[in-house]
C-alpha cells in the first residue's frame, strides 16, 4: 500500500470555499483548480518554488490605476476596489483577487459568501514578464470569456 496519499487535483466550488476559510493564504479558483497567491508555492510534498512578491513597479502601476479610476468614477455609482476583494466571474466560475476591480452600486455578492462580489464591470490585472509566464493561460482564459460575460478586461 502506498504510504503517500495523492493530492486532490480538482475541487468543487464548495470545497474551495471551505478550504479558503481555513487557509492562511488566499487562493484563486478556476475550472476546479486552486492557485495559491503567495511567495512560496508547494508544488509537491516538501518541494517549494519561490515566487517573487509584487515589485515596486507593479505596486506603482496598481496605485496609479486606482487613483486614476477613483478620479474618473468620482461622481458615479461605481468605484475601484483592490485585491483584498474576491470576485466571482459568473460566466466562467472564476474566483479571483485581481489587482483592481470596478464594481457599481448597489454591490451584488454571492448569497452564501457576502464578501465575494459578483457584479464586477472591469477587471484589471497588472502583468510582468515573470507573472505572465505563470498566469498566462489563466489570464488568456479570463480575457477570452470577458466579452460574453459583459466584463471589460
N, C-alpha and C. Protein backbone atom coordinates (compact mmCIF):
# COMPACT_ATOMS: atom_id res chain seq x y z
N UNK A 1 0.84 -1.19 0.00
CA UNK A 1 0.00 0.00 0.00
C UNK A 1 0.88 1.25 0.00
N UNK A 2 0.52 2.21 -0.79
CA UNK A 2 1.27 3.43 -0.89
C UNK A 2 1.05 4.28 0.35
N UNK A 3 2.15 4.67 1.01
CA UNK A 3 2.05 5.45 2.24
C UNK A 3 1.69 6.91 1.96
N UNK A 4 1.93 7.37 0.73
CA UNK A 4 1.65 8.76 0.39
C UNK A 4 0.29 8.86 -0.31
N UNK A 5 -0.50 9.75 0.18
CA UNK A 5 -1.81 9.99 -0.42
C UNK A 5 -1.64 10.98 -1.55
N UNK A 6 -2.22 10.70 -2.70
CA UNK A 6 -2.15 11.60 -3.84
C UNK A 6 -2.98 12.85 -3.54
N UNK A 7 -2.43 14.04 -3.81
CA UNK A 7 -3.20 15.26 -3.57
C UNK A 7 -4.39 15.34 -4.54
N UNK A 8 -5.45 15.92 -4.04
CA UNK A 8 -6.63 16.10 -4.88
C UNK A 8 -6.32 17.18 -5.92
N UNK A 9 -6.64 16.91 -7.16
CA UNK A 9 -6.30 17.87 -8.21
C UNK A 9 -7.49 18.70 -8.67
N UNK A 10 -8.70 18.26 -8.44
CA UNK A 10 -9.89 19.02 -8.83
C UNK A 10 -10.77 19.22 -7.61
N UNK A 11 -11.29 20.42 -7.48
CA UNK A 11 -12.14 20.78 -6.36
C UNK A 11 -13.46 21.34 -6.86
N UNK A 12 -14.50 21.19 -6.06
CA UNK A 12 -15.75 21.87 -6.36
C UNK A 12 -15.65 23.28 -5.77
N UNK A 13 -16.55 24.15 -6.18
CA UNK A 13 -16.56 25.49 -5.63
C UNK A 13 -16.80 25.48 -4.12
N UNK A 14 -17.67 24.59 -3.67
CA UNK A 14 -17.95 24.48 -2.23
C UNK A 14 -16.71 24.04 -1.48
N UNK A 15 -15.95 23.09 -2.03
CA UNK A 15 -14.71 22.64 -1.40
C UNK A 15 -13.69 23.78 -1.35
N UNK A 16 -13.64 24.56 -2.42
CA UNK A 16 -12.74 25.71 -2.45
C UNK A 16 -13.06 26.67 -1.31
N UNK A 17 -14.33 27.02 -1.13
CA UNK A 17 -14.70 27.97 -0.08
C UNK A 17 -14.35 27.42 1.30
N UNK A 18 -14.59 26.14 1.53
CA UNK A 18 -14.23 25.54 2.83
C UNK A 18 -12.72 25.58 3.03
N UNK A 19 -11.97 25.23 2.00
CA UNK A 19 -10.52 25.24 2.07
C UNK A 19 -10.00 26.65 2.31
N UNK A 20 -10.56 27.61 1.60
CA UNK A 20 -10.12 29.00 1.69
C UNK A 20 -10.36 29.58 3.08
N UNK A 21 -11.47 29.20 3.71
CA UNK A 21 -11.78 29.70 5.05
C UNK A 21 -10.71 29.32 6.07
N UNK A 22 -10.14 28.12 5.94
CA UNK A 22 -9.15 27.66 6.89
C UNK A 22 -7.72 27.89 6.47
N UNK A 23 -7.51 28.51 5.33
CA UNK A 23 -6.16 28.68 4.80
C UNK A 23 -5.55 30.01 5.26
N UNK A 24 -4.25 30.00 5.58
CA UNK A 24 -3.60 31.26 5.95
C UNK A 24 -3.28 32.15 4.75
N UNK A 25 -3.42 31.62 3.54
CA UNK A 25 -3.17 32.41 2.33
C UNK A 25 -4.40 32.37 1.42
N UNK A 26 -4.48 33.34 0.52
CA UNK A 26 -5.59 33.38 -0.44
C UNK A 26 -5.26 32.50 -1.64
N UNK A 27 -6.32 31.98 -2.25
CA UNK A 27 -6.19 31.17 -3.46
C UNK A 27 -7.20 31.66 -4.49
N UNK A 28 -6.82 31.58 -5.75
CA UNK A 28 -7.77 31.78 -6.83
C UNK A 28 -8.29 30.41 -7.22
N UNK A 29 -9.47 30.38 -7.83
CA UNK A 29 -10.11 29.12 -8.20
C UNK A 29 -10.62 29.23 -9.62
N UNK A 30 -10.25 28.24 -10.45
CA UNK A 30 -10.74 28.22 -11.82
C UNK A 30 -10.77 26.78 -12.33
N UNK A 31 -11.89 26.38 -12.90
CA UNK A 31 -12.05 25.06 -13.52
C UNK A 31 -11.60 23.94 -12.58
N UNK A 32 -11.95 24.06 -11.30
CA UNK A 32 -11.65 23.01 -10.34
C UNK A 32 -10.25 23.05 -9.76
N UNK A 33 -9.44 24.02 -10.17
CA UNK A 33 -8.06 24.10 -9.69
C UNK A 33 -7.87 25.29 -8.77
N UNK A 34 -6.96 25.12 -7.79
CA UNK A 34 -6.60 26.17 -6.86
C UNK A 34 -5.25 26.76 -7.26
N UNK A 35 -5.15 28.08 -7.17
CA UNK A 35 -3.91 28.78 -7.49
C UNK A 35 -3.52 29.62 -6.28
N UNK A 36 -2.49 29.19 -5.52
CA UNK A 36 -2.08 29.94 -4.32
C UNK A 36 -1.56 31.32 -4.68
N UNK A 37 -1.83 32.28 -3.81
CA UNK A 37 -1.37 33.65 -4.02
C UNK A 37 -0.40 34.01 -2.90
N UNK A 38 0.82 33.49 -2.99
CA UNK A 38 1.85 33.82 -2.02
C UNK A 38 3.21 33.59 -2.62
N UNK A 39 4.24 33.95 -1.88
CA UNK A 39 5.58 33.90 -2.45
C UNK A 39 6.15 32.51 -2.60
N UNK A 40 5.87 31.57 -1.69
CA UNK A 40 6.41 30.24 -1.86
C UNK A 40 5.26 29.27 -2.11
N UNK A 41 5.41 28.49 -3.13
CA UNK A 41 4.36 27.60 -3.59
C UNK A 41 4.84 26.16 -3.47
N UNK A 42 4.12 25.34 -2.70
CA UNK A 42 4.48 23.95 -2.57
C UNK A 42 3.92 23.21 -3.79
N UNK A 43 4.80 22.73 -4.66
CA UNK A 43 4.37 22.06 -5.88
C UNK A 43 4.20 20.56 -5.67
N UNK A 44 4.85 20.00 -4.70
CA UNK A 44 4.65 18.62 -4.27
C UNK A 44 5.14 18.55 -2.83
N UNK A 45 4.78 17.51 -2.08
CA UNK A 45 5.15 17.47 -0.66
C UNK A 45 6.64 17.72 -0.46
N UNK A 46 6.95 18.81 0.25
CA UNK A 46 8.32 19.14 0.58
C UNK A 46 9.10 19.86 -0.51
N UNK A 47 8.51 20.10 -1.66
CA UNK A 47 9.20 20.77 -2.76
C UNK A 47 8.53 22.12 -3.02
N UNK A 48 9.30 23.18 -2.84
CA UNK A 48 8.76 24.53 -2.97
C UNK A 48 9.40 25.26 -4.14
N UNK A 49 8.63 26.13 -4.75
CA UNK A 49 9.12 27.05 -5.77
C UNK A 49 8.93 28.44 -5.19
N UNK A 50 10.00 29.23 -5.19
CA UNK A 50 9.89 30.58 -4.68
C UNK A 50 9.42 31.51 -5.80
N UNK A 51 8.40 32.27 -5.51
CA UNK A 51 7.85 33.21 -6.47
C UNK A 51 8.05 34.61 -5.90
N UNK A 52 8.46 35.52 -6.72
CA UNK A 52 8.70 36.89 -6.26
C UNK A 52 7.40 37.55 -5.87
N UNK A 53 7.46 38.38 -4.83
CA UNK A 53 6.31 39.19 -4.47
C UNK A 53 6.14 40.30 -5.48
N UNK A 54 5.14 41.12 -5.28
CA UNK A 54 4.91 42.22 -6.21
C UNK A 54 6.08 43.19 -6.17
N UNK A 55 6.51 43.61 -7.35
CA UNK A 55 7.63 44.57 -7.44
C UNK A 55 7.12 45.97 -7.13
N UNK A 56 8.05 46.87 -6.90
CA UNK A 56 7.69 48.26 -6.67
C UNK A 56 6.97 48.82 -7.90
N UNK A 57 7.44 48.46 -9.10
CA UNK A 57 6.80 48.95 -10.33
C UNK A 57 5.36 48.44 -10.43
N UNK A 58 5.15 47.17 -10.07
CA UNK A 58 3.80 46.60 -10.07
C UNK A 58 2.90 47.40 -9.13
N UNK A 59 3.38 47.64 -7.91
CA UNK A 59 2.60 48.39 -6.93
C UNK A 59 2.33 49.81 -7.40
N UNK A 60 3.34 50.43 -8.04
CA UNK A 60 3.14 51.78 -8.57
C UNK A 60 2.05 51.81 -9.64
N UNK A 61 2.07 50.84 -10.54
CA UNK A 61 1.05 50.78 -11.61
C UNK A 61 -0.35 50.57 -11.03
N UNK A 62 -0.46 49.69 -10.05
CA UNK A 62 -1.77 49.46 -9.42
C UNK A 62 -2.24 50.74 -8.72
N UNK A 63 -1.33 51.41 -8.00
CA UNK A 63 -1.69 52.66 -7.31
C UNK A 63 -2.13 53.73 -8.30
N UNK A 64 -1.39 53.87 -9.39
CA UNK A 64 -1.75 54.88 -10.40
C UNK A 64 -3.11 54.58 -11.02
N UNK A 65 -3.36 53.31 -11.31
CA UNK A 65 -4.66 52.93 -11.89
C UNK A 65 -5.79 53.18 -10.89
N UNK A 66 -5.55 52.86 -9.62
CA UNK A 66 -6.56 53.08 -8.58
C UNK A 66 -6.89 54.56 -8.47
N UNK A 67 -5.87 55.41 -8.41
CA UNK A 67 -6.11 56.85 -8.31
C UNK A 67 -6.82 57.40 -9.55
N UNK A 68 -6.39 56.97 -10.72
CA UNK A 68 -7.00 57.44 -11.96
C UNK A 68 -8.47 57.01 -12.04
N UNK A 69 -8.71 55.75 -11.77
CA UNK A 69 -10.10 55.26 -11.81
C UNK A 69 -10.96 55.94 -10.76
N UNK A 70 -10.40 56.12 -9.56
CA UNK A 70 -11.16 56.79 -8.50
C UNK A 70 -11.57 58.19 -8.90
N UNK A 71 -10.66 58.90 -9.55
CA UNK A 71 -10.95 60.25 -10.01
C UNK A 71 -12.02 60.23 -11.11
N UNK A 72 -11.85 59.34 -12.07
CA UNK A 72 -12.79 59.27 -13.20
C UNK A 72 -14.18 58.81 -12.78
N UNK A 73 -14.26 58.01 -11.73
CA UNK A 73 -15.54 57.46 -11.29
C UNK A 73 -16.15 58.25 -10.13
N UNK A 74 -15.56 59.37 -9.77
CA UNK A 74 -15.94 60.11 -8.56
C UNK A 74 -17.44 60.39 -8.47
N UNK A 75 -18.06 60.84 -9.51
CA UNK A 75 -19.48 61.23 -9.46
C UNK A 75 -20.40 60.16 -10.03
N UNK A 76 -19.98 58.90 -9.93
CA UNK A 76 -20.80 57.80 -10.42
C UNK A 76 -21.11 56.85 -9.27
N UNK A 77 -21.86 55.83 -9.55
CA UNK A 77 -22.16 54.82 -8.53
C UNK A 77 -21.11 53.72 -8.52
N UNK A 78 -20.05 53.89 -9.30
CA UNK A 78 -19.00 52.87 -9.42
C UNK A 78 -17.75 53.29 -8.66
N UNK A 79 -16.98 52.30 -8.22
CA UNK A 79 -15.74 52.58 -7.50
C UNK A 79 -14.74 51.45 -7.73
N UNK A 80 -13.45 51.79 -7.79
CA UNK A 80 -12.43 50.75 -7.90
C UNK A 80 -12.18 50.11 -6.53
N UNK A 81 -11.83 48.84 -6.55
CA UNK A 81 -11.51 48.10 -5.33
C UNK A 81 -10.21 47.35 -5.56
N UNK A 82 -9.46 47.15 -4.49
CA UNK A 82 -8.16 46.49 -4.62
C UNK A 82 -8.26 44.99 -4.36
N UNK A 83 -7.13 44.29 -4.46
CA UNK A 83 -7.08 42.84 -4.50
C UNK A 83 -7.58 42.12 -3.25
N UNK A 84 -7.82 42.82 -2.18
CA UNK A 84 -8.34 42.14 -1.00
C UNK A 84 -9.79 41.69 -1.21
N UNK A 85 -10.42 42.19 -2.26
CA UNK A 85 -11.82 41.86 -2.55
C UNK A 85 -11.89 40.72 -3.55
N UNK A 86 -12.45 39.59 -3.13
CA UNK A 86 -12.60 38.44 -4.03
C UNK A 86 -13.80 38.70 -4.94
N UNK A 87 -13.67 38.30 -6.20
CA UNK A 87 -14.79 38.41 -7.12
C UNK A 87 -15.05 37.06 -7.77
N UNK A 88 -16.28 36.89 -8.23
CA UNK A 88 -16.66 35.69 -9.00
C UNK A 88 -17.14 36.15 -10.35
N UNK A 89 -16.53 35.61 -11.40
CA UNK A 89 -16.98 35.90 -12.76
C UNK A 89 -18.02 34.84 -13.09
N UNK A 90 -19.27 35.25 -13.13
CA UNK A 90 -20.37 34.30 -13.31
C UNK A 90 -20.25 33.47 -14.58
N UNK A 91 -19.80 34.08 -15.67
CA UNK A 91 -19.74 33.37 -16.96
C UNK A 91 -18.74 32.22 -16.96
N UNK A 92 -17.71 32.31 -16.13
CA UNK A 92 -16.65 31.30 -16.16
C UNK A 92 -16.50 30.52 -14.87
N UNK A 93 -17.06 31.04 -13.77
CA UNK A 93 -16.87 30.40 -12.47
C UNK A 93 -15.57 30.78 -11.80
N UNK A 94 -14.79 31.66 -12.42
CA UNK A 94 -13.52 32.10 -11.85
C UNK A 94 -13.77 32.83 -10.53
N UNK A 95 -13.01 32.46 -9.51
CA UNK A 95 -12.97 33.18 -8.24
C UNK A 95 -11.56 33.71 -8.10
N UNK A 96 -11.41 35.03 -8.00
CA UNK A 96 -10.09 35.62 -8.07
C UNK A 96 -10.00 36.88 -7.23
N UNK A 97 -8.78 37.29 -6.99
CA UNK A 97 -8.46 38.54 -6.31
C UNK A 97 -7.64 39.38 -7.29
N UNK A 98 -8.27 40.04 -8.26
CA UNK A 98 -7.50 40.81 -9.24
C UNK A 98 -6.84 42.02 -8.58
N UNK A 99 -5.86 42.59 -9.26
CA UNK A 99 -5.19 43.77 -8.72
C UNK A 99 -6.20 44.88 -8.46
N UNK A 100 -7.08 45.12 -9.40
CA UNK A 100 -8.14 46.12 -9.26
C UNK A 100 -9.41 45.59 -9.90
N UNK A 101 -10.51 46.02 -9.37
CA UNK A 101 -11.80 45.70 -9.96
C UNK A 101 -12.69 46.93 -9.81
N UNK A 102 -13.54 47.16 -10.79
CA UNK A 102 -14.53 48.23 -10.69
C UNK A 102 -15.88 47.57 -10.52
N UNK A 103 -16.61 47.99 -9.50
CA UNK A 103 -17.96 47.50 -9.25
C UNK A 103 -18.85 48.70 -8.97
N UNK A 104 -20.11 48.57 -9.34
CA UNK A 104 -21.05 49.68 -9.21
C UNK A 104 -22.13 49.35 -8.18
N UNK A 105 -22.61 50.39 -7.51
CA UNK A 105 -23.67 50.22 -6.51
C UNK A 105 -25.01 50.04 -7.19
N UNK A 106 -25.89 49.28 -6.61
CA UNK A 106 -25.67 48.53 -5.38
C UNK A 106 -24.80 47.30 -5.67
N UNK A 107 -23.84 47.05 -4.78
CA UNK A 107 -22.95 45.90 -4.95
C UNK A 107 -23.73 44.61 -4.82
N UNK A 108 -23.39 43.67 -5.67
CA UNK A 108 -24.03 42.36 -5.60
C UNK A 108 -22.98 41.33 -5.23
N UNK A 109 -23.37 40.40 -4.36
CA UNK A 109 -22.44 39.38 -3.91
C UNK A 109 -23.14 38.04 -3.87
N UNK A 110 -22.35 36.99 -3.66
CA UNK A 110 -22.91 35.65 -3.55
C UNK A 110 -23.75 35.59 -2.28
N UNK A 111 -24.88 34.94 -2.34
CA UNK A 111 -25.80 34.87 -1.21
C UNK A 111 -25.11 34.23 0.00
N UNK A 112 -24.42 33.12 -0.22
CA UNK A 112 -23.79 32.42 0.89
C UNK A 112 -22.36 32.87 1.17
N UNK A 113 -21.82 33.76 0.35
CA UNK A 113 -20.47 34.32 0.53
C UNK A 113 -20.53 35.83 0.27
N UNK A 114 -21.04 36.61 1.24
CA UNK A 114 -21.26 38.04 1.00
C UNK A 114 -20.00 38.85 0.73
N UNK A 115 -18.82 38.30 1.03
CA UNK A 115 -17.57 39.02 0.74
C UNK A 115 -17.08 38.79 -0.68
N UNK A 116 -17.83 38.03 -1.47
CA UNK A 116 -17.44 37.74 -2.84
C UNK A 116 -18.36 38.49 -3.80
N UNK A 117 -17.80 39.50 -4.47
CA UNK A 117 -18.60 40.29 -5.42
C UNK A 117 -18.89 39.49 -6.68
N UNK A 118 -20.06 39.71 -7.25
CA UNK A 118 -20.44 39.03 -8.49
C UNK A 118 -20.76 40.00 -9.62
N UNK A 119 -20.59 41.28 -9.38
CA UNK A 119 -21.01 42.26 -10.38
C UNK A 119 -19.88 43.16 -10.86
N UNK A 120 -18.67 42.64 -10.93
CA UNK A 120 -17.55 43.44 -11.43
C UNK A 120 -17.81 43.84 -12.87
N UNK A 121 -17.52 45.08 -13.19
CA UNK A 121 -17.68 45.53 -14.57
C UNK A 121 -16.35 45.68 -15.28
N UNK A 122 -15.27 45.85 -14.50
CA UNK A 122 -13.92 45.93 -15.06
C UNK A 122 -12.99 45.13 -14.15
N UNK A 123 -12.14 44.32 -14.76
CA UNK A 123 -11.12 43.56 -14.03
C UNK A 123 -9.76 43.99 -14.56
N UNK A 124 -8.87 44.37 -13.65
CA UNK A 124 -7.53 44.80 -14.05
C UNK A 124 -6.50 43.94 -13.34
N UNK A 125 -5.62 43.33 -14.11
CA UNK A 125 -4.52 42.53 -13.59
C UNK A 125 -3.25 43.07 -14.22
N UNK A 126 -2.33 43.55 -13.41
CA UNK A 126 -1.05 44.07 -13.91
C UNK A 126 -0.12 42.88 -14.10
N UNK A 127 0.37 42.72 -15.32
CA UNK A 127 1.25 41.60 -15.64
C UNK A 127 2.67 42.09 -15.89
N UNK A 128 3.61 41.22 -15.60
CA UNK A 128 5.01 41.47 -15.91
C UNK A 128 5.51 40.26 -16.68
N UNK A 129 6.69 40.31 -17.26
CA UNK A 129 7.20 39.13 -17.98
C UNK A 129 7.23 37.88 -17.09
N UNK A 130 7.56 38.04 -15.81
CA UNK A 130 7.63 36.86 -14.94
C UNK A 130 6.24 36.34 -14.57
N UNK A 131 5.28 37.22 -14.31
CA UNK A 131 3.95 36.74 -13.94
C UNK A 131 3.16 36.26 -15.14
N UNK A 132 3.39 36.84 -16.31
CA UNK A 132 2.63 36.39 -17.48
C UNK A 132 3.02 34.97 -17.87
N UNK A 133 4.24 34.56 -17.55
CA UNK A 133 4.66 33.19 -17.86
C UNK A 133 3.93 32.19 -16.97
N UNK A 134 3.64 32.56 -15.73
CA UNK A 134 3.00 31.63 -14.81
C UNK A 134 1.49 31.73 -14.84
N UNK A 135 0.95 32.88 -15.24
CA UNK A 135 -0.50 33.05 -15.23
C UNK A 135 -1.08 33.27 -16.61
N UNK A 136 -0.27 33.12 -17.63
CA UNK A 136 -0.71 33.42 -18.99
C UNK A 136 -1.93 32.63 -19.43
N UNK A 137 -1.96 31.34 -19.14
CA UNK A 137 -3.10 30.52 -19.56
C UNK A 137 -4.35 30.96 -18.84
N UNK A 138 -4.25 31.20 -17.54
CA UNK A 138 -5.40 31.64 -16.77
C UNK A 138 -5.89 32.99 -17.27
N UNK A 139 -4.99 33.94 -17.50
CA UNK A 139 -5.38 35.26 -17.98
C UNK A 139 -5.95 35.20 -19.40
N UNK A 140 -5.40 34.34 -20.25
CA UNK A 140 -5.94 34.18 -21.59
C UNK A 140 -7.38 33.65 -21.52
N UNK A 141 -7.61 32.69 -20.64
CA UNK A 141 -8.95 32.13 -20.48
C UNK A 141 -9.91 33.19 -19.97
N UNK A 142 -9.47 33.99 -19.01
CA UNK A 142 -10.31 35.06 -18.47
C UNK A 142 -10.64 36.06 -19.56
N UNK A 143 -9.63 36.53 -20.27
CA UNK A 143 -9.82 37.54 -21.30
C UNK A 143 -10.73 37.04 -22.41
N UNK A 144 -10.58 35.80 -22.80
CA UNK A 144 -11.41 35.23 -23.87
C UNK A 144 -12.88 35.19 -23.48
N UNK A 145 -13.16 35.07 -22.19
CA UNK A 145 -14.54 34.98 -21.73
C UNK A 145 -15.13 36.31 -21.32
N UNK A 146 -14.32 37.36 -21.26
CA UNK A 146 -14.83 38.66 -20.83
C UNK A 146 -15.96 39.20 -21.71
N UNK A 147 -15.81 39.23 -23.04
CA UNK A 147 -16.89 39.83 -23.84
C UNK A 147 -18.24 39.16 -23.64
N UNK A 148 -18.27 37.86 -23.54
CA UNK A 148 -19.57 37.23 -23.38
C UNK A 148 -20.12 37.36 -21.96
N UNK A 149 -19.24 37.69 -20.99
CA UNK A 149 -19.73 37.87 -19.62
C UNK A 149 -20.09 39.31 -19.35
N UNK A 150 -19.79 40.22 -20.28
CA UNK A 150 -20.12 41.63 -20.09
C UNK A 150 -19.09 42.37 -19.27
N UNK A 151 -17.95 41.76 -19.01
CA UNK A 151 -16.90 42.38 -18.22
C UNK A 151 -15.84 42.95 -19.15
N UNK A 152 -15.31 44.10 -18.80
CA UNK A 152 -14.21 44.68 -19.55
C UNK A 152 -12.91 44.23 -18.91
N UNK A 153 -12.05 43.63 -19.68
CA UNK A 153 -10.76 43.16 -19.15
C UNK A 153 -9.63 43.89 -19.84
